[in-house]
C-alpha cells in the first residue's frame, strides 16, 4: 500500500518546483535548483569558497565545481584570490547574480503566498512545525 503522506509531499514538491521555475523564468535562463541554492549560500556566507559550499549544502565536490564554473561563465559570480588560502578562490555574487537572487526571493514570496491561500496562521505554523520535524527525522 502506498504511503499517502509521501505521495502528497512528493506532489507538493513537484508543483512548487514547477511554479517556481515558471515564475523565475528558469527555463529561459537554464537555471536549476542547485544554481539557486549556491547563489543563496554565496550571498549568505562571508568569504565563501567552494569547500564551504560543499560542506554547507552537503553536496559532492565535483557537482559544486561544475555549478560554480557554470555560474562564473554566466556572469552571476566572480572568483577572487583568497588571501587565507592560495589554493582556493573566494566566490562573490556579481550585480547580475544579486539581481537574479532578488528575483528568486520575490517570486518565492509570491508562490508562497499563493500556496498558503485558504490556510489560517495556525495551519501554517502547524505545517512548518511538522515539516521541520520530518527534516530532522531524515537527518538521523
C-alpha atoms as a PDB file:
ATOM      1  CA  UNK A   1       0.000   0.000   0.000  1.00  0.00           C
ATOM      2  CA  UNK A   2       1.282   3.464  -0.899  1.00  0.00           C
ATOM      3  CA  UNK A   3       2.038   5.873   1.952  1.00  0.00           C
ATOM      4  CA  UNK A   4      -0.214   8.828   1.118  1.00  0.00           C
ATOM      5  CA  UNK A   5       1.911  11.270   3.146  1.00  0.00           C
ATOM      6  CA  UNK A   6       4.858  10.500   0.884  1.00  0.00           C
ATOM      7  CA  UNK A   7       2.727  10.866  -2.220  1.00  0.00           C
ATOM      8  CA  UNK A   8       1.228  14.185  -1.031  1.00  0.00           C
ATOM      9  CA  UNK A   9       4.647  15.532  -0.126  1.00  0.00           C
ATOM     10  CA  UNK A  10       6.133  14.495  -3.455  1.00  0.00           C
ATOM     11  CA  UNK A  11       3.241  16.072  -5.373  1.00  0.00           C
ATOM     12  CA  UNK A  12       3.555  19.298  -3.346  1.00  0.00           C
ATOM     13  CA  UNK A  13       7.292  19.492  -4.064  1.00  0.00           C
ATOM     14  CA  UNK A  14       6.762  18.904  -7.777  1.00  0.00           C
ATOM     15  CA  UNK A  15       4.030  21.562  -8.029  1.00  0.00           C
ATOM     16  CA  UNK A  16       6.122  24.033  -6.022  1.00  0.00           C
ATOM     17  CA  UNK A  17       9.172  23.466  -8.227  1.00  0.00           C
ATOM     18  CA  UNK A  18       7.111  23.860 -11.394  1.00  0.00           C
ATOM     19  CA  UNK A  19       5.541  27.133 -10.166  1.00  0.00           C
ATOM     20  CA  UNK A  20       8.954  28.487  -9.142  1.00  0.00           C
ATOM     21  CA  UNK A  21      10.559  27.537 -12.470  1.00  0.00           C
ATOM     22  CA  UNK A  22       7.799  29.330 -14.356  1.00  0.00           C
ATOM     23  CA  UNK A  23       7.811  32.368 -12.046  1.00  0.00           C
ATOM     24  CA  UNK A  24      11.581  32.863 -12.215  1.00  0.00           C
ATOM     25  CA  UNK A  25      11.826  32.074 -15.910  1.00  0.00           C
ATOM     26  CA  UNK A  26      14.184  29.221 -15.121  1.00  0.00           C
ATOM     27  CA  UNK A  27      13.746  27.552 -18.492  1.00  0.00           C
ATOM     28  CA  UNK A  28      14.877  30.644 -20.389  1.00  0.00           C
ATOM     29  CA  UNK A  29      17.826  31.147 -18.018  1.00  0.00           C
ATOM     30  CA  UNK A  30      18.664  27.418 -17.906  1.00  0.00           C
ATOM     31  CA  UNK A  31      18.542  27.814 -14.149  1.00  0.00           C
ATOM     32  CA  UNK A  32      18.158  24.863 -11.803  1.00  0.00           C
ATOM     33  CA  UNK A  33      17.641  24.340  -8.083  1.00  0.00           C
ATOM     34  CA  UNK A  34      21.365  23.835  -7.438  1.00  0.00           C
ATOM     35  CA  UNK A  35      22.144  27.217  -9.008  1.00  0.00           C
ATOM     36  CA  UNK A  36      19.641  28.837  -6.659  1.00  0.00           C
ATOM     37  CA  UNK A  37      20.945  27.007  -3.590  1.00  0.00           C
ATOM     38  CA  UNK A  38      24.517  28.021  -4.400  1.00  0.00           C
ATOM     39  CA  UNK A  39      23.600  31.641  -5.102  1.00  0.00           C
ATOM     40  CA  UNK A  40      21.783  31.828  -1.770  1.00  0.00           C
ATOM     41  CA  UNK A  41      24.696  30.247   0.046  1.00  0.00           C
ATOM     42  CA  UNK A  42      27.250  32.552  -1.565  1.00  0.00           C
ATOM     43  CA  UNK A  43      25.106  35.549  -0.629  1.00  0.00           C
ATOM     44  CA  UNK A  44      24.746  34.412   2.995  1.00  0.00           C
ATOM     45  CA  UNK A  45      28.327  33.312   3.729  1.00  0.00           C
ATOM     46  CA  UNK A  46      31.129  35.806   4.141  1.00  0.00           C
ATOM     47  CA  UNK A  47      34.378  34.810   2.406  1.00  0.00           C
ATOM     48  CA  UNK A  48      32.614  31.955   0.647  1.00  0.00           C
ATOM     49  CA  UNK A  49      34.688  29.233  -1.011  1.00  0.00           C
ATOM     50  CA  UNK A  50      33.797  26.112  -2.968  1.00  0.00           C
ATOM     51  CA  UNK A  51      34.665  23.935   0.031  1.00  0.00           C
ATOM     52  CA  UNK A  52      32.284  25.914   2.247  1.00  0.00           C
ATOM     53  CA  UNK A  53      29.513  25.375  -0.315  1.00  0.00           C
ATOM     54  CA  UNK A  54      30.269  21.633  -0.461  1.00  0.00           C
ATOM     55  CA  UNK A  55      30.057  21.390   3.334  1.00  0.00           C
ATOM     56  CA  UNK A  56      27.125  23.772   3.777  1.00  0.00           C
ATOM     57  CA  UNK A  57      24.929  22.194   1.121  1.00  0.00           C
ATOM     58  CA  UNK A  58      26.211  18.655   1.751  1.00  0.00           C
ATOM     59  CA  UNK A  59      26.896  18.101  -1.944  1.00  0.00           C
ATOM     60  CA  UNK A  60      29.565  16.372  -3.980  1.00  0.00           C
ATOM     61  CA  UNK A  61      32.680  18.449  -4.655  1.00  0.00           C
ATOM     62  CA  UNK A  62      32.604  17.738  -8.394  1.00  0.00           C
ATOM     63  CA  UNK A  63      28.936  18.783  -8.635  1.00  0.00           C
ATOM     64  CA  UNK A  64      29.633  22.098  -6.877  1.00  0.00           C
ATOM     65  CA  UNK A  65      32.706  22.664  -9.033  1.00  0.00           C
ATOM     66  CA  UNK A  66      30.611  22.323 -12.199  1.00  0.00           C
ATOM     67  CA  UNK A  67      27.908  24.647 -10.886  1.00  0.00           C
ATOM     68  CA  UNK A  68      30.489  27.265  -9.855  1.00  0.00           C
ATOM     69  CA  UNK A  69      32.169  27.115 -13.245  1.00  0.00           C
ATOM     70  CA  UNK A  70      28.798  27.478 -14.963  1.00  0.00           C
ATOM     71  CA  UNK A  71      27.723  30.425 -12.783  1.00  0.00           C
ATOM     72  CA  UNK A  72      31.042  32.190 -13.372  1.00  0.00           C
ATOM     73  CA  UNK A  73      30.672  31.696 -17.127  1.00  0.00           C
ATOM     74  CA  UNK A  74      27.185  33.224 -16.980  1.00  0.00           C
ATOM     75  CA  UNK A  75      28.467  36.234 -15.034  1.00  0.00           C
ATOM     76  CA  UNK A  76      26.469  35.511 -11.852  1.00  0.00           C
ATOM     77  CA  UNK A  77      29.577  35.129  -9.660  1.00  0.00           C
ATOM     78  CA  UNK A  78      33.192  36.180  -9.678  1.00  0.00           C
ATOM     79  CA  UNK A  79      36.152  34.243  -8.356  1.00  0.00           C
ATOM     80  CA  UNK A  80      38.659  36.283  -6.370  1.00  0.00           C
ATOM     81  CA  UNK A  81      42.042  35.422  -4.855  1.00  0.00           C
ATOM     82  CA  UNK A  82      41.753  34.055  -1.327  1.00  0.00           C
ATOM     83  CA  UNK A  83      44.351  35.712   0.914  1.00  0.00           C
ATOM     84  CA  UNK A  84      43.866  32.936   3.507  1.00  0.00           C
ATOM     85  CA  UNK A  85      44.496  30.042   1.103  1.00  0.00           C
ATOM     86  CA  UNK A  86      46.250  30.393  -2.249  1.00  0.00           C
ATOM     87  CA  UNK A  87      44.743  27.082  -3.464  1.00  0.00           C
ATOM     88  CA  UNK A  88      41.139  28.276  -3.230  1.00  0.00           C
ATOM     89  CA  UNK A  89      39.162  31.235  -4.520  1.00  0.00           C
ATOM     90  CA  UNK A  90      36.667  33.469  -2.781  1.00  0.00           C
ATOM     91  CA  UNK A  91      33.296  33.429  -4.507  1.00  0.00           C
ATOM     92  CA  UNK A  92      31.220  36.581  -4.676  1.00  0.00           C
ATOM     93  CA  UNK A  93      27.936  37.416  -6.405  1.00  0.00           C
ATOM     94  CA  UNK A  94      28.136  39.922  -9.235  1.00  0.00           C
ATOM     95  CA  UNK A  95      25.472  42.564  -9.777  1.00  0.00           C
ATOM     96  CA  UNK A  96      23.763  40.186 -12.184  1.00  0.00           C
ATOM     97  CA  UNK A  97      23.886  37.379  -9.614  1.00  0.00           C
ATOM     98  CA  UNK A  98      22.415  39.654  -6.952  1.00  0.00           C
ATOM     99  CA  UNK A  99      19.595  40.694  -9.322  1.00  0.00           C
ATOM    100  CA  UNK A 100      18.855  37.040 -10.026  1.00  0.00           C
ATOM    101  CA  UNK A 101      18.720  36.258  -6.300  1.00  0.00           C
ATOM    102  CA  UNK A 102      16.391  39.208  -5.699  1.00  0.00           C
ATOM    103  CA  UNK A 103      14.071  37.947  -8.444  1.00  0.00           C
ATOM    104  CA  UNK A 104      14.085  34.440  -6.944  1.00  0.00           C
ATOM    105  CA  UNK A 105      13.270  35.823  -3.480  1.00  0.00           C
ATOM    106  CA  UNK A 106      10.461  37.977  -4.877  1.00  0.00           C
ATOM    107  CA  UNK A 107       8.934  35.092  -6.835  1.00  0.00           C
ATOM    108  CA  UNK A 108       9.287  32.707  -3.891  1.00  0.00           C
ATOM    109  CA  UNK A 109       7.278  35.121  -1.766  1.00  0.00           C
ATOM    110  CA  UNK A 110       4.539  35.276  -4.415  1.00  0.00           C
ATOM    111  CA  UNK A 111       4.420  31.488  -4.822  1.00  0.00           C
ATOM    112  CA  UNK A 112       4.420  31.022  -1.024  1.00  0.00           C
ATOM    113  CA  UNK A 113       1.521  33.458  -0.724  1.00  0.00           C
ATOM    114  CA  UNK A 114      -0.416  31.543  -3.376  1.00  0.00           C
ATOM    115  CA  UNK A 115       0.372  28.238  -1.689  1.00  0.00           C
ATOM    116  CA  UNK A 116      -0.915  29.492   1.687  1.00  0.00           C
ATOM    117  CA  UNK A 117      -4.262  30.763   0.380  1.00  0.00           C
ATOM    118  CA  UNK A 118      -7.143  29.480   2.488  1.00  0.00           C
ATOM    119  CA  UNK A 119      -4.898  28.468   5.391  1.00  0.00           C
ATOM    120  CA  UNK A 120      -5.057  30.016   8.845  1.00  0.00           C
ATOM    121  CA  UNK A 121      -1.946  31.220  10.657  1.00  0.00           C
ATOM    122  CA  UNK A 122      -2.347  28.223  12.949  1.00  0.00           C
ATOM    123  CA  UNK A 123      -2.417  25.869   9.934  1.00  0.00           C
ATOM    124  CA  UNK A 124       0.782  27.423   8.592  1.00  0.00           C
ATOM    125  CA  UNK A 125       2.554  27.186  11.962  1.00  0.00           C
ATOM    126  CA  UNK A 126       1.478  23.543  12.310  1.00  0.00           C
ATOM    127  CA  UNK A 127       2.709  22.764   8.789  1.00  0.00           C
ATOM    128  CA  UNK A 128       6.058  24.455   9.473  1.00  0.00           C
ATOM    129  CA  UNK A 129       6.479  22.511  12.723  1.00  0.00           C
ATOM    130  CA  UNK A 130       5.642  19.206  11.021  1.00  0.00           C
ATOM    131  CA  UNK A 131       7.986  19.830   8.080  1.00  0.00           C
ATOM    132  CA  UNK A 132      10.872  20.735  10.411  1.00  0.00           C
ATOM    133  CA  UNK A 133      10.257  17.575  12.441  1.00  0.00           C
ATOM    134  CA  UNK A 134      10.241  15.464   9.268  1.00  0.00           C
ATOM    135  CA  UNK A 135      13.505  17.065   8.140  1.00  0.00           C
ATOM    136  CA  UNK A 136      15.144  16.333  11.499  1.00  0.00           C
ATOM    137  CA  UNK A 137      13.887  12.739  11.366  1.00  0.00           C
ATOM    138  CA  UNK A 138      15.511  12.252   7.965  1.00  0.00           C
ATOM    139  CA  UNK A 139      18.829  13.650   9.208  1.00  0.00           C
ATOM    140  CA  UNK A 140      19.151  10.919  11.861  1.00  0.00           C
END
